[in-house]
Amino acid sequence: MVQILNYTFYKLPRIARAQFIKQCIIEELYHTNDLEGVKSSREEIARSAKEIELKTKRKRRFNSMITSYMQLLNNEVSLPESVNDIRTIYDLITDGEIEDKDKPDGEIFRLEETYVHKKSGTGKIIHTGLTPESKIRIEMDNLLKFMNKSEVPELIKVAVGHYFYGYIHPFYDGNGRTSRFLSSLYLSKIVGDIGALSLSRAANKFSNKYLEAFEVTNSIKNNGEMNYFIESLLTVILSALKEMAMEIKEKDELLRLAIEKIDQEPKLNNKKERFRGVMFTIVQNYFFGVESSKGMTVKELAEVHSVSPTTIRATVKKLEELSLIEQIGQKPVYIKIKKGYFES
């Protein structure tokens, strides 16, 4: 499945790949927030991601999480080797997102008890995180040794590590987000970047199975047996990988049909190849971008085509006169395919 997903993804044109990665990051953050009970929308996360990409000075929600996942994809985050590394990753993920009362009060982790509540029904306590901090440090160190040095198959280690991080529950808040990021980090070394961005969407889509796996494994009757949790987590990840591959395949087919239409567009006859090139770039964003209502900025198009913004503005102006594209918004202006173009 991993080979199929990666083959399908890397067949895509460059802009389509970049846009799909952004979409995956936004989906991953939206779903991890939903699992944590943090209210957010895809649109809000997309706006924050765009602000980061355009390097604006404006501070938005989820900046730290978006930056963390971008760094993961750029191989700028190393696998943790010590408990201090875990704290560094936690700080990276949760910066600006945790209330002061819920921030760690120990040397690295928390000092007091914390509880995991049932997500539905009574909301009763189903697990108490380990205490004191000295015990948390010992067990987190043991977990890192298991993840980094044991000879257990890598996917099995991801599943076991995901459970035990939740069992230790080293912080008051942000454990789920941090755990899923860490698991994605390890997954990226096994299934590649795109596959690594499937965990939270899988866990959220199959949330009943995902949360039940923790409850069953935590139960006294289960006595710490891990097979059910491993099978459950790997099943939901596999389901997400299959869906992701199918999504890419469907969008790629739509893109192929769109390119055929652009190639045959009579309004572009006798025009420089740059005009079709800009159309081709915009259409990749249209099918693979996060928000189909948004397009690309002059700056982005100029960078893609290695020409000056002035050249892009002139090209965009002509395409707009031909009723092939339109511009929306202000500061920045977004350039997108003319509404209804592909339906005509």
C-alpha atoms as a PDB file:
ATOM      1  CA  MET A   1       0.000   0.000   0.000  1.00  0.00           C
ATOM      2  CA  VAL A   2       2.824   2.385   0.861  1.00  0.00           C
ATOM      3  CA  GLN A   3       4.493   1.772  -2.510  1.00  0.00           C
ATOM      4  CA  ILE A   4       1.205   2.456  -4.336  1.00  0.00           C
ATOM      5  CA  LEU A   5       0.642   5.665  -2.393  1.00  0.00           C
ATOM      6  CA  ASN A   6       4.146   7.004  -2.983  1.00  0.00           C
ATOM      7  CA  TYR A   7       4.120   6.018  -6.671  1.00  0.00           C
ATOM      8  CA  THR A   8       0.763   7.754  -7.197  1.00  0.00           C
ATOM      9  CA  PHE A   9       1.913  10.856  -5.328  1.00  0.00           C
ATOM     10  CA  TYR A  10       5.293  11.290  -7.023  1.00  0.00           C
ATOM     11  CA  LYS A  11       3.692  10.975 -10.461  1.00  0.00           C
ATOM     12  CA  LEU A  12       1.924  14.276  -9.821  1.00  0.00           C
ATOM     13  CA  PRO A  13       3.271  17.567 -11.204  1.00  0.00           C
ATOM     14  CA  ARG A  14       5.390  19.591  -8.777  1.00  0.00           C
ATOM     15  CA  ILE A  15       2.775  22.181  -7.798  1.00  0.00           C
ATOM     16  CA  ALA A  16       0.105  19.531  -7.305  1.00  0.00           C
ATOM     17  CA  ARG A  17       2.441  17.669  -4.941  1.00  0.00           C
ATOM     18  CA  ALA A  18       3.184  20.805  -2.949  1.00  0.00           C
ATOM     19  CA  GLN A  19      -0.499  21.702  -2.687  1.00  0.00           C
ATOM     20  CA  PHE A  20      -1.464  18.177  -1.657  1.00  0.00           C
ATOM     21  CA  ILE A  21       1.137  18.213   1.118  1.00  0.00           C
ATOM     22  CA  LYS A  22      -0.339  21.472   2.440  1.00  0.00           C
ATOM     23  CA  GLN A  23      -3.790  19.941   2.317  1.00  0.00           C
ATOM     24  CA  CYS A  24      -2.560  16.887   4.244  1.00  0.00           C
ATOM     25  CA  ILE A  25      -0.970  19.065   6.924  1.00  0.00           C
ATOM     26  CA  ILE A  26      -4.197  21.013   7.362  1.00  0.00           C
ATOM     27  CA  GLU A  27      -6.268  17.834   7.497  1.00  0.00           C
ATOM     28  CA  GLU A  28      -3.859  16.345  10.045  1.00  0.00           C
ATOM     29  CA  LEU A  29      -4.034  19.405  12.298  1.00  0.00           C
ATOM     30  CA  TYR A  30      -7.800  19.717  11.984  1.00  0.00           C
ATOM     31  CA  HIS A  31      -8.297  16.099  13.006  1.00  0.00           C
ATOM     32  CA  THR A  32      -5.784  16.140  15.861  1.00  0.00           C
ATOM     33  CA  ASN A  33      -7.533  19.263  17.214  1.00  0.00           C
ATOM     34  CA  ASP A  34     -10.901  17.553  16.924  1.00  0.00           C
ATOM     35  CA  LEU A  35      -9.649  14.526  18.838  1.00  0.00           C
ATOM     36  CA  GLU A  36      -8.409  16.853  21.583  1.00  0.00           C
ATOM     37  CA  GLY A  37     -11.682  18.786  21.708  1.00  0.00           C
ATOM     38  CA  VAL A  38      -9.944  21.926  20.394  1.00  0.00           C
ATOM     39  CA  LYS A  39     -12.316  23.952  18.235  1.00  0.00           C
ATOM     40  CA  SER A  40     -10.872  24.818  14.831  1.00  0.00           C
ATOM     41  CA  SER A  41     -11.810  24.829  11.172  1.00  0.00           C
ATOM     42  CA  ARG A  42      -9.912  23.838   8.059  1.00  0.00           C
ATOM     43  CA  GLU A  43     -10.299  27.404   6.794  1.00  0.00           C
ATOM     44  CA  GLU A  44      -8.685  28.882   9.909  1.00  0.00           C
ATOM     45  CA  ILE A  45      -5.773  26.446   9.774  1.00  0.00           C
ATOM     46  CA  ALA A  46      -5.380  27.112   6.040  1.00  0.00           C
ATOM     47  CA  ARG A  47      -5.201  30.855   6.648  1.00  0.00           C
ATOM     48  CA  SER A  48      -2.544  30.360   9.309  1.00  0.00           C
ATOM     49  CA  ALA A  49      -0.566  28.084   6.987  1.00  0.00           C
ATOM     50  CA  LYS A  50      -0.753  30.705   4.243  1.00  0.00           C
ATOM     51  CA  GLU A  51       0.486  33.411   6.627  1.00  0.00           C
ATOM     52  CA  ILE A  52       3.490  31.245   7.504  1.00  0.00           C
ATOM     53  CA  GLU A  53       4.176  30.450   3.855  1.00  0.00           C
ATOM     54  CA  LEU A  54       4.030  34.123   2.868  1.00  0.00           C
ATOM     55  CA  LYS A  55       6.230  34.973   5.894  1.00  0.00           C
ATOM     56  CA  THR A  56       3.904  37.627   7.226  1.00  0.00           C
ATOM     57  CA  LYS A  57       4.461  39.012  10.722  1.00  0.00           C
ATOM     58  CA  ARG A  58       0.897  38.328  11.806  1.00  0.00           C
ATOM     59  CA  LYS A  59       0.572  35.749  14.596  1.00  0.00           C
ATOM     60  CA  ARG A  60      -2.293  33.287  14.154  1.00  0.00           C
ATOM     61  CA  ARG A  61      -3.578  30.263  16.053  1.00  0.00           C
ATOM     62  CA  PHE A  62      -1.836  26.946  15.422  1.00  0.00           C
ATOM     63  CA  ASN A  63       1.324  28.596  14.060  1.00  0.00           C
ATOM     64  CA  SER A  64       3.488  26.339  16.214  1.00  0.00           C
ATOM     65  CA  MET A  65       1.728  23.135  15.128  1.00  0.00           C
ATOM     66  CA  ILE A  66       1.818  24.034  11.443  1.00  0.00           C
ATOM     67  CA  THR A  67       5.496  24.950  11.661  1.00  0.00           C
ATOM     68  CA  SER A  68       6.228  21.668  13.454  1.00  0.00           C
ATOM     69  CA  TYR A  69       4.663  19.536  10.720  1.00  0.00           C
ATOM     70  CA  MET A  70       6.394  21.557   8.013  1.00  0.00           C
ATOM     71  CA  GLN A  71       9.696  20.934   9.777  1.00  0.00           C
ATOM     72  CA  LEU A  72       8.858  17.218   9.982  1.00  0.00           C
ATOM     73  CA  LEU A  73       8.337  17.095   6.210  1.00  0.00           C
ATOM     74  CA  ASN A  74      11.567  19.024   5.636  1.00  0.00           C
ATOM     75  CA  ASN A  75      13.492  16.560   7.824  1.00  0.00           C
ATOM     76  CA  GLU A  76      14.288  19.332  10.285  1.00  0.00           C
ATOM     77  CA  VAL A  77      13.058  17.375  13.328  1.00  0.00           C
ATOM     78  CA  SER A  78      15.221  14.504  14.561  1.00  0.00           C
ATOM     79  CA  LEU A  79      13.953  11.437  16.359  1.00  0.00           C
ATOM     80  CA  PRO A  80      14.076  12.108  20.113  1.00  0.00           C
ATOM     81  CA  GLU A  81      16.963  10.517  21.978  1.00  0.00           C
ATOM     82  CA  SER A  82      16.347  11.858  25.481  1.00  0.00           C
ATOM     83  CA  VAL A  83      13.538  13.100  27.699  1.00  0.00           C
ATOM     84  CA  ASN A  84      14.784  16.629  27.071  1.00  0.00           C
ATOM     85  CA  ASP A  85      14.151  16.057  23.362  1.00  0.00           C
ATOM     86  CA  ILE A  86      10.574  15.068  24.185  1.00  0.00           C
ATOM     87  CA  ARG A  87      10.096  18.343  26.066  1.00  0.00           C
ATOM     88  CA  THR A  88      11.585  20.287  23.152  1.00  0.00           C
ATOM     89  CA  ILE A  89       9.128  18.676  20.735  1.00  0.00           C
ATOM     90  CA  TYR A  90       6.254  19.295  23.155  1.00  0.00           C
ATOM     91  CA  ASP A  91       7.176  22.977  23.406  1.00  0.00           C
ATOM     92  CA  LEU A  92       7.428  23.178  19.624  1.00  0.00           C
ATOM     93  CA  ILE A  93       3.977  21.643  19.124  1.00  0.00           C
ATOM     94  CA  THR A  94       2.104  23.511  21.861  1.00  0.00           C
ATOM     95  CA  ASP A  95       3.763  26.955  21.843  1.00  0.00           C
ATOM     96  CA  GLY A  96       1.008  29.505  22.408  1.00  0.00           C
ATOM     97  CA  GLU A  97      -1.707  26.825  22.556  1.00  0.00           C
ATOM     98  CA  ILE A  98      -1.634  25.756  26.231  1.00  0.00           C
ATOM     99  CA  GLU A  99      -3.179  27.751  29.090  1.00  0.00           C
ATOM    100  CA  ASP A 100      -0.773  28.807  31.837  1.00  0.00           C
ATOM    101  CA  LYS A 101      -2.482  26.598  34.435  1.00  0.00           C
ATOM    102  CA  ASP A 102      -1.883  23.527  32.230  1.00  0.00           C
ATOM    103  CA  LYS A 103       1.770  24.139  31.431  1.00  0.00           C
ATOM    104  CA  PRO A 104       4.358  21.660  32.821  1.00  0.00           C
ATOM    105  CA  ASP A 105       5.364  22.552  36.387  1.00  0.00           C
ATOM    106  CA  GLY A 106       8.149  20.015  36.853  1.00  0.00           C
ATOM    107  CA  GLU A 107      11.730  20.095  35.651  1.00  0.00           C
ATOM    108  CA  ILE A 108      10.641  18.504  32.350  1.00  0.00           C
ATOM    109  CA  PHE A 109       7.178  17.045  32.810  1.00  0.00           C
ATOM    110  CA  ARG A 110       4.284  17.564  35.257  1.00  0.00           C
ATOM    111  CA  LEU A 111       4.419  17.254  39.057  1.00  0.00           C
ATOM    112  CA  GLU A 112       0.805  16.467  39.918  1.00  0.00           C
ATOM    113  CA  GLU A 113      -1.638  13.760  38.823  1.00  0.00           C
ATOM    114  CA  THR A 114      -3.606  14.094  35.608  1.00  0.00           C
ATOM    115  CA  TYR A 115      -6.524  12.083  34.322  1.00  0.00           C
ATOM    116  CA  VAL A 116      -7.867  10.703  31.060  1.00  0.00           C
ATOM    117  CA  HIS A 117     -11.656  10.904  30.821  1.00  0.00           C
ATOM    118  CA  LYS A 118     -14.018   8.856  28.704  1.00  0.00           C
ATOM    119  CA  LYS A 119     -14.772  10.916  25.590  1.00  0.00           C
ATOM    120  CA  SER A 120     -18.452  10.068  25.501  1.00  0.00           C
ATOM    121  CA  GLY A 121     -21.154   9.099  27.941  1.00  0.00           C
ATOM    122  CA  THR A 122     -20.368   9.796  31.577  1.00  0.00           C
ATOM    123  CA  GLY A 123     -16.953  11.372  31.055  1.00  0.00           C
ATOM    124  CA  LYS A 124     -15.676   9.195  33.891  1.00  0.00           C
ATOM    125  CA  ILE A 125     -11.979   8.806  34.623  1.00  0.00           C
ATOM    126  CA  ILE A 126     -10.591   5.838  32.694  1.00  0.00           C
ATOM    127  CA  HIS A 127      -6.889   6.348  33.368  1.00  0.00           C
ATOM    128  CA  THR A 128      -4.554   8.220  35.709  1.00  0.00           C
ATOM    129  CA  GLY A 129      -1.185   9.315  34.339  1.00  0.00           C
ATOM    130  CA  LEU A 130       1.962   8.185  36.089  1.00  0.00           C
ATOM    131  CA  THR A 131       3.365  10.106  39.059  1.00  0.00           C
ATOM    132  CA  PRO A 132       5.698  11.410  40.437  1.00  0.00           C
ATOM    133  CA  GLU A 133       7.810  13.154  37.794  1.00  0.00           C
ATOM    134  CA  SER A 134      10.773  10.906  38.584  1.00  0.00           C
ATOM    135  CA  LYS A 135       8.712   7.905  37.494  1.00  0.00           C
ATOM    136  CA  ILE A 136       7.569   9.703  34.343  1.00  0.00           C
ATOM    137  CA  ARG A 137      11.206  10.379  33.462  1.00  0.00           C
ATOM    138  CA  ILE A 138      12.204   6.745  34.018  1.00  0.00           C
ATOM    139  CA  GLU A 139       9.346   5.366  31.900  1.00  0.00           C
ATOM    140  CA  MET A 140       9.801   7.941  29.136  1.00  0.00           C
ATOM    141  CA  ASP A 141      13.477   7.025  29.022  1.00  0.00           C
ATOM    142  CA  ASN A 142      12.531   3.330  28.796  1.00  0.00           C
ATOM    143  CA  LEU A 143      10.093   4.146  25.998  1.00  0.00           C
ATOM    144  CA  LEU A 144      12.794   5.966  24.014  1.00  0.00           C
ATOM    145  CA  LYS A 145      15.183   3.044  24.428  1.00  0.00           C
ATOM    146  CA  PHE A 146      12.465   0.726  23.117  1.00  0.00           C
ATOM    147  CA  MET A 147      11.683   2.990  20.146  1.00  0.00           C
ATOM    148  CA  ASN A 148      15.293   3.654  19.170  1.00  0.00           C
ATOM    149  CA  LYS A 149      17.184   0.493  20.064  1.00  0.00           C
ATOM    150  CA  SER A 150      14.894  -2.548  20.174  1.00  0.00           C
ATOM    151  CA  GLU A 151      14.740  -5.000  17.280  1.00  0.00           C
ATOM    152  CA  VAL A 152      10.933  -5.093  17.225  1.00  0.00           C
ATOM    153  CA  PRO A 153       9.498  -4.418  13.703  1.00  0.00           C
ATOM    154  CA  GLU A 154       9.213  -0.667  13.144  1.00  0.00           C
ATOM    155  CA  LEU A 155       5.431  -0.455  12.640  1.00  0.00           C
ATOM    156  CA  ILE A 156       4.848  -2.521  15.774  1.00  0.00           C
ATOM    157  CA  LYS A 157       7.116  -0.132  17.674  1.00  0.00           C
ATOM    158  CA  VAL A 158       5.064   2.858  16.471  1.00  0.00           C
ATOM    159  CA  ALA A 159       1.862   1.265  17.756  1.00  0.00           C
ATOM    160  CA  VAL A 160       3.354   0.203  21.098  1.00  0.00           C
ATOM    161  CA  GLY A 161       5.048   3.576  21.549  1.00  0.00           C
ATOM    162  CA  HIS A 162       1.819   5.420  20.753  1.00  0.00           C
ATOM    163  CA  TYR A 163      -0.022   3.520  23.452  1.00  0.00           C
ATOM    164  CA  PHE A 164       2.643   3.857  26.136  1.00  0.00           C
ATOM    165  CA  TYR A 165       3.065   7.581  25.619  1.00  0.00           C
ATOM    166  CA  GLY A 166      -0.661   7.921  26.277  1.00  0.00           C
ATOM    167  CA  TYR A 167      -0.371   5.609  29.274  1.00  0.00           C
ATOM    168  CA  ILE A 168       2.454   7.667  30.823  1.00  0.00           C
ATOM    169  CA  HIS A 169       0.628  10.928  29.980  1.00  0.00           C
ATOM    170  CA  PRO A 170       3.646  13.099  30.821  1.00  0.00           C
ATOM    171  CA  PHE A 171       1.931  16.520  30.551  1.00  0.00           C
ATOM    172  CA  TYR A 172      -1.279  18.075  31.812  1.00  0.00           C
ATOM    173  CA  ASP A 173      -2.464  19.116  28.351  1.00  0.00           C
ATOM    174  CA  GLY A 174      -1.356  18.520  24.756  1.00  0.00           C
ATOM    175  CA  ASN A 175      -0.458  14.844  25.244  1.00  0.00           C
ATOM    176  CA  GLY A 176      -2.571  13.642  22.308  1.00  0.00           C
ATOM    177  CA  ARG A 177      -1.213  16.212  19.876  1.00  0.00           C
ATOM    178  CA  THR A 178       2.360  15.517  20.938  1.00  0.00           C
ATOM    179  CA  SER A 179       1.901  11.750  20.840  1.00  0.00           C
ATOM    180  CA  ARG A 180       0.438  11.814  17.327  1.00  0.00           C
ATOM    181  CA  PHE A 181       3.231  14.121  16.137  1.00  0.00           C
ATOM    182  CA  LEU A 182       5.877  11.797  17.593  1.00  0.00           C
ATOM    183  CA  SER A 183       4.197   8.774  15.998  1.00  0.00           C
ATOM    184  CA  SER A 184       4.061  10.640  12.677  1.00  0.00           C
ATOM    185  CA  LEU A 185       7.759  11.418  13.045  1.00  0.00           C
ATOM    186  CA  TYR A 186       8.580   7.725  13.444  1.00  0.00           C
ATOM    187  CA  LEU A 187       6.106   6.771  10.703  1.00  0.00           C
ATOM    188  CA  SER A 188       7.838   9.144   8.269  1.00  0.00           C
ATOM    189  CA  LYS A 189      10.968   6.978   8.477  1.00  0.00           C
ATOM    190  CA  ILE A 190       8.891   3.909   7.533  1.00  0.00           C
ATOM    191  CA  VAL A 191       6.164   4.956   5.100  1.00  0.00           C
ATOM    192  CA  GLY A 192       7.496   8.287   3.834  1.00  0.00           C
ATOM    193  CA  ASP A 193       6.342  11.856   4.323  1.00  0.00           C
ATOM    194  CA  ILE A 194       2.848  11.583   2.843  1.00  0.00           C
ATOM    195  CA  GLY A 195       1.976   8.395   4.701  1.00  0.00           C
ATOM    196  CA  ALA A 196       3.158   9.997   7.933  1.00  0.00           C
ATOM    197  CA  LEU A 197       0.420  12.620   7.532  1.00  0.00           C
ATOM    198  CA  SER A 198      -2.330  10.030   7.845  1.00  0.00           C
ATOM    199  CA  LEU A 199      -2.371   9.243  11.560  1.00  0.00           C
ATOM    200  CA  SER A 200      -4.661  11.940  12.968  1.00  0.00           C
ATOM    201  CA  ARG A 201      -7.160  11.809  10.112  1.00  0.00           C
ATOM    202  CA  ALA A 202      -7.276   8.016  10.507  1.00  0.00           C
ATOM    203  CA  ALA A 203      -7.658   8.231  14.288  1.00  0.00           C
ATOM    204  CA  ASN A 204     -10.439  10.795  13.960  1.00  0.00           C
ATOM    205  CA  LYS A 205     -12.357   9.081  11.161  1.00  0.00           C
ATOM    206  CA  PHE A 206     -12.235   5.805  13.074  1.00  0.00           C
ATOM    207  CA  SER A 207     -12.302   7.532  16.463  1.00  0.00           C
ATOM    208  CA  ASN A 208     -14.548   4.931  18.093  1.00  0.00           C
ATOM    209  CA  LYS A 209     -12.117   2.142  17.236  1.00  0.00           C
ATOM    210  CA  TYR A 210      -9.104   4.316  18.086  1.00  0.00           C
ATOM    211  CA  LEU A 211     -10.382   5.381  21.517  1.00  0.00           C
ATOM    212  CA  GLU A 212     -11.796   1.951  22.282  1.00  0.00           C
ATOM    213  CA  ALA A 213      -8.346   0.442  21.661  1.00  0.00           C
ATOM    214  CA  PHE A 214      -6.928   2.582  24.494  1.00  0.00           C
ATOM    215  CA  GLU A 215      -9.803   1.702  26.826  1.00  0.00           C
ATOM    216  CA  VAL A 216      -9.595  -2.031  26.143  1.00  0.00           C
ATOM    217  CA  THR A 217      -5.828  -2.089  26.605  1.00  0.00           C
ATOM    218  CA  ASN A 218      -6.108  -0.060  29.835  1.00  0.00           C
ATOM    219  CA  SER A 219      -8.738  -2.363  31.312  1.00  0.00           C
ATOM    220  CA  ILE A 220      -7.879  -4.597  34.256  1.00  0.00           C
ATOM    221  CA  LYS A 221      -9.346  -7.570  32.423  1.00  0.00           C
ATOM    222  CA  ASN A 222      -6.947  -7.056  29.517  1.00  0.00           C
ATOM    223  CA  ASN A 223      -3.959  -7.186  31.865  1.00  0.00           C
ATOM    224  CA  GLY A 224      -1.697  -5.094  29.605  1.00  0.00           C
ATOM    225  CA  GLU A 225      -1.976  -7.314  26.521  1.00  0.00           C
ATOM    226  CA  MET A 226      -1.041  -5.204  23.462  1.00  0.00           C
ATOM    227  CA  ASN A 227      -2.202  -7.227  20.435  1.00  0.00           C
ATOM    228  CA  TYR A 228      -5.622  -5.577  20.211  1.00  0.00           C
ATOM    229  CA  PHE A 229      -4.172  -2.063  20.311  1.00  0.00           C
ATOM    230  CA  ILE A 230      -1.466  -2.837  17.749  1.00  0.00           C
ATOM    231  CA  GLU A 231      -3.952  -4.405  15.347  1.00  0.00           C
ATOM    232  CA  SER A 232      -6.453  -1.568  15.805  1.00  0.00           C
ATOM    233  CA  LEU A 233      -3.959   1.266  15.251  1.00  0.00           C
ATOM    234  CA  LEU A 234      -2.307  -0.330  12.234  1.00  0.00           C
ATOM    235  CA  THR A 235      -5.747  -1.064  10.737  1.00  0.00           C
ATOM    236  CA  VAL A 236      -6.863   2.569  10.947  1.00  0.00           C
ATOM    237  CA  ILE A 237      -3.535   3.781   9.517  1.00  0.00           C
ATOM    238  CA  LEU A 238      -3.814   1.346   6.599  1.00  0.00           C
ATOM    239  CA  SER A 239      -7.380   2.522   5.927  1.00  0.00           C
ATOM    240  CA  ALA A 240      -6.192   6.138   5.804  1.00  0.00           C
ATOM    241  CA  LEU A 241      -3.338   5.281   3.428  1.00  0.00           C
ATOM    242  CA  LYS A 242      -5.779   3.575   1.058  1.00  0.00           C
ATOM    243  CA  GLU A 243      -8.129   6.573   1.131  1.00  0.00           C
ATOM    244  CA  MET A 244      -5.244   8.960   0.556  1.00  0.00           C
ATOM    245  CA  ALA A 245      -4.061   6.996  -2.491  1.00  0.00           C
ATOM    246  CA  MET A 246      -7.603   6.945  -3.899  1.00  0.00           C
ATOM    247  CA  GLU A 247      -7.983  10.698  -3.326  1.00  0.00           C
ATOM    248  CA  ILE A 248      -4.768  11.409  -5.231  1.00  0.00           C
ATOM    249  CA  LYS A 249      -5.827   9.126  -8.078  1.00  0.00           C
ATOM    250  CA  GLU A 250      -9.230  10.822  -8.449  1.00  0.00           C
ATOM    251  CA  LYS A 251      -7.767  14.339  -8.370  1.00  0.00           C
ATOM    252  CA  ASP A 252      -5.053  13.334 -10.818  1.00  0.00           C
ATOM    253  CA  GLU A 253      -7.716  12.189 -13.289  1.00  0.00           C
ATOM    254  CA  LEU A 254      -9.554  15.502 -12.931  1.00  0.00           C
ATOM    255  CA  LEU A 255      -6.273  17.321 -13.458  1.00  0.00           C
ATOM    256  CA  ARG A 256      -5.581  15.315 -16.618  1.00  0.00           C
ATOM    257  CA  LEU A 257      -8.972  16.278 -18.073  1.00  0.00           C
ATOM    258  CA  ALA A 258      -8.384  19.922 -17.118  1.00  0.00           C
ATOM    259  CA  ILE A 259      -5.006  19.963 -18.850  1.00  0.00           C
ATOM    260  CA  GLU A 260      -6.612  18.584 -22.008  1.00  0.00           C
ATOM    261  CA  LYS A 261      -9.109  21.444 -21.927  1.00  0.00           C
ATOM    262  CA  ILE A 262      -6.358  24.035 -21.477  1.00  0.00           C
ATOM    263  CA  ASP A 263      -4.293  22.477 -24.282  1.00  0.00           C
ATOM    264  CA  GLN A 264      -7.291  22.799 -26.616  1.00  0.00           C
ATOM    265  CA  GLU A 265      -8.315  26.276 -25.433  1.00  0.00           C
ATOM    266  CA  PRO A 266      -8.770  28.362 -28.624  1.00  0.00           C
ATOM    267  CA  LYS A 267      -8.326  31.639 -26.725  1.00  0.00           C
ATOM    268  CA  LEU A 268      -4.702  30.651 -26.116  1.00  0.00           C
ATOM    269  CA  ASN A 269      -3.882  29.999 -29.759  1.00  0.00           C
ATOM    270  CA  ASN A 270      -0.906  32.086 -30.926  1.00  0.00           C
ATOM    271  CA  LYS A 271      -0.103  33.017 -27.322  1.00  0.00           C
ATOM    272  CA  LYS A 272       3.264  32.429 -25.724  1.00  0.00           C
ATOM    273  CA  GLU A 273       3.708  29.132 -23.903  1.00  0.00           C
ATOM    274  CA  ARG A 274       3.878  31.074 -20.636  1.00  0.00           C
ATOM    275  CA  PHE A 275       0.112  31.691 -20.787  1.00  0.00           C
ATOM    276  CA  ARG A 276      -0.698  27.971 -20.815  1.00  0.00           C
ATOM    277  CA  GLY A 277       2.020  27.424 -18.206  1.00  0.00           C
ATOM    278  CA  VAL A 278       0.414  29.874 -15.784  1.00  0.00           C
ATOM    279  CA  MET A 279      -2.992  28.301 -16.437  1.00  0.00           C
ATOM    280  CA  PHE A 280      -1.502  24.865 -15.771  1.00  0.00           C
ATOM    281  CA  THR A 281      -0.018  26.071 -12.460  1.00  0.00           C
ATOM    282  CA  ILE A 282      -3.286  27.661 -11.333  1.00  0.00           C
ATOM    283  CA  VAL A 283      -5.289  24.566 -12.211  1.00  0.00           C
ATOM    284  CA  GLN A 284      -3.008  22.375 -10.073  1.00  0.00           C
ATOM    285  CA  ASN A 285      -3.824  24.644  -7.156  1.00  0.00           C
ATOM    286  CA  TYR A 286      -7.532  24.461  -8.089  1.00  0.00           C
ATOM    287  CA  PHE A 287      -7.705  20.672  -7.802  1.00  0.00           C
ATOM    288  CA  PHE A 288      -5.096  20.021  -5.114  1.00  0.00           C
ATOM    289  CA  GLY A 289      -5.214  23.201  -3.033  1.00  0.00           C
ATOM    290  CA  VAL A 290      -6.757  23.428   0.398  1.00  0.00           C
ATOM    291  CA  GLU A 291      -9.425  25.933  -0.505  1.00  0.00           C
ATOM    292  CA  SER A 292     -10.746  25.744  -4.041  1.00  0.00           C
ATOM    293  CA  SER A 293     -12.112  29.275  -3.579  1.00  0.00           C
ATOM    294  CA  LYS A 294      -8.576  30.606  -3.151  1.00  0.00           C
ATOM    295  CA  GLY A 295      -5.873  30.756  -5.785  1.00  0.00           C
ATOM    296  CA  MET A 296      -2.231  31.765  -5.961  1.00  0.00           C
ATOM    297  CA  THR A 297      -0.522  35.101  -5.451  1.00  0.00           C
ATOM    298  CA  VAL A 298       1.585  36.925  -8.018  1.00  0.00           C
ATOM    299  CA  LYS A 299       4.625  36.238  -5.848  1.00  0.00           C
ATOM    300  CA  GLU A 300       3.951  32.491  -5.824  1.00  0.00           C
ATOM    301  CA  LEU A 301       3.412  32.347  -9.583  1.00  0.00           C
ATOM    302  CA  ALA A 302       6.563  34.368 -10.207  1.00  0.00           C
ATOM    303  CA  GLU A 303       8.612  31.969  -8.081  1.00  0.00           C
ATOM    304  CA  VAL A 304       7.161  28.888  -9.816  1.00  0.00           C
ATOM    305  CA  HIS A 305       7.868  30.233 -13.310  1.00  0.00           C
ATOM    306  CA  SER A 306      11.174  31.942 -12.453  1.00  0.00           C
ATOM    307  CA  VAL A 307      10.062  35.263 -13.921  1.00  0.00           C
ATOM    308  CA  SER A 308       9.520  38.709 -12.454  1.00  0.00           C
ATOM    309  CA  PRO A 309       6.260  39.692 -10.719  1.00  0.00           C
ATOM    310  CA  THR A 310       5.843  42.313 -13.461  1.00  0.00           C
ATOM    311  CA  THR A 311       5.825  39.597 -16.120  1.00  0.00           C
ATOM    312  CA  ILE A 312       3.290  37.573 -14.151  1.00  0.00           C
ATOM    313  CA  ARG A 313       1.023  40.602 -13.688  1.00  0.00           C
ATOM    314  CA  ALA A 314       1.025  41.225 -17.438  1.00  0.00           C
ATOM    315  CA  THR A 315       0.240  37.563 -18.128  1.00  0.00           C
ATOM    316  CA  VAL A 316      -2.513  37.503 -15.514  1.00  0.00           C
ATOM    317  CA  LYS A 317      -4.045  40.692 -16.910  1.00  0.00           C
ATOM    318  CA  LYS A 318      -4.284  39.178 -20.389  1.00  0.00           C
ATOM    319  CA  LEU A 319      -5.713  35.882 -19.116  1.00  0.00           C
ATOM    320  CA  GLU A 320      -8.307  37.834 -17.167  1.00  0.00           C
ATOM    321  CA  GLU A 321      -9.240  39.805 -20.270  1.00  0.00           C
ATOM    322  CA  LEU A 322      -9.772  36.463 -22.024  1.00  0.00           C
ATOM    323  CA  SER A 323     -12.141  35.413 -19.178  1.00  0.00           C
ATOM    324  CA  LEU A 324      -9.962  32.413 -18.311  1.00  0.00           C
ATOM    325  CA  ILE A 325      -9.009  33.474 -14.789  1.00  0.00           C
ATOM    326  CA  GLU A 326     -10.187  35.919 -12.141  1.00  0.00           C
ATOM    327  CA  GLN A 327      -8.683  37.776  -9.209  1.00  0.00           C
ATOM    328  CA  ILE A 328     -10.183  37.876  -5.730  1.00  0.00           C
ATOM    329  CA  GLY A 329      -9.295  39.495  -2.415  1.00  0.00           C
ATOM    330  CA  GLN A 330      -6.973  42.320  -1.546  1.00  0.00           C
ATOM    331  CA  LYS A 331      -3.453  42.413  -0.110  1.00  0.00           C
ATOM    332  CA  PRO A 332      -2.718  39.838  -1.278  1.00  0.00           C
ATOM    333  CA  VAL A 333      -4.794  39.304  -4.406  1.00  0.00           C
ATOM    334  CA  TYR A 334      -5.436  35.660  -5.254  1.00  0.00           C
ATOM    335  CA  ILE A 335      -5.518  34.475  -8.858  1.00  0.00           C
ATOM    336  CA  LYS A 336      -7.771  31.518  -9.663  1.00  0.00           C
ATOM    337  CA  ILE A 337      -9.491  29.783 -12.557  1.00  0.00           C
ATOM    338  CA  LYS A 338     -12.584  31.637 -13.769  1.00  0.00           C
ATOM    339  CA  LYS A 339     -15.656  30.339 -11.966  1.00  0.00           C
ATOM    340  CA  GLY A 340     -17.506  27.828 -14.122  1.00  0.00           C
ATOM    341  CA  TYR A 341     -14.608  27.426 -16.581  1.00  0.00           C
ATOM    342  CA  PHE A 342     -14.476  23.644 -16.267  1.00  0.00           C
ATOM    343  CA  GLU A 343     -18.245  23.312 -16.332  1.00  0.00           C
ATOM    344  CA  SER A 344     -18.563  25.125 -19.657  1.00  0.00           C
END
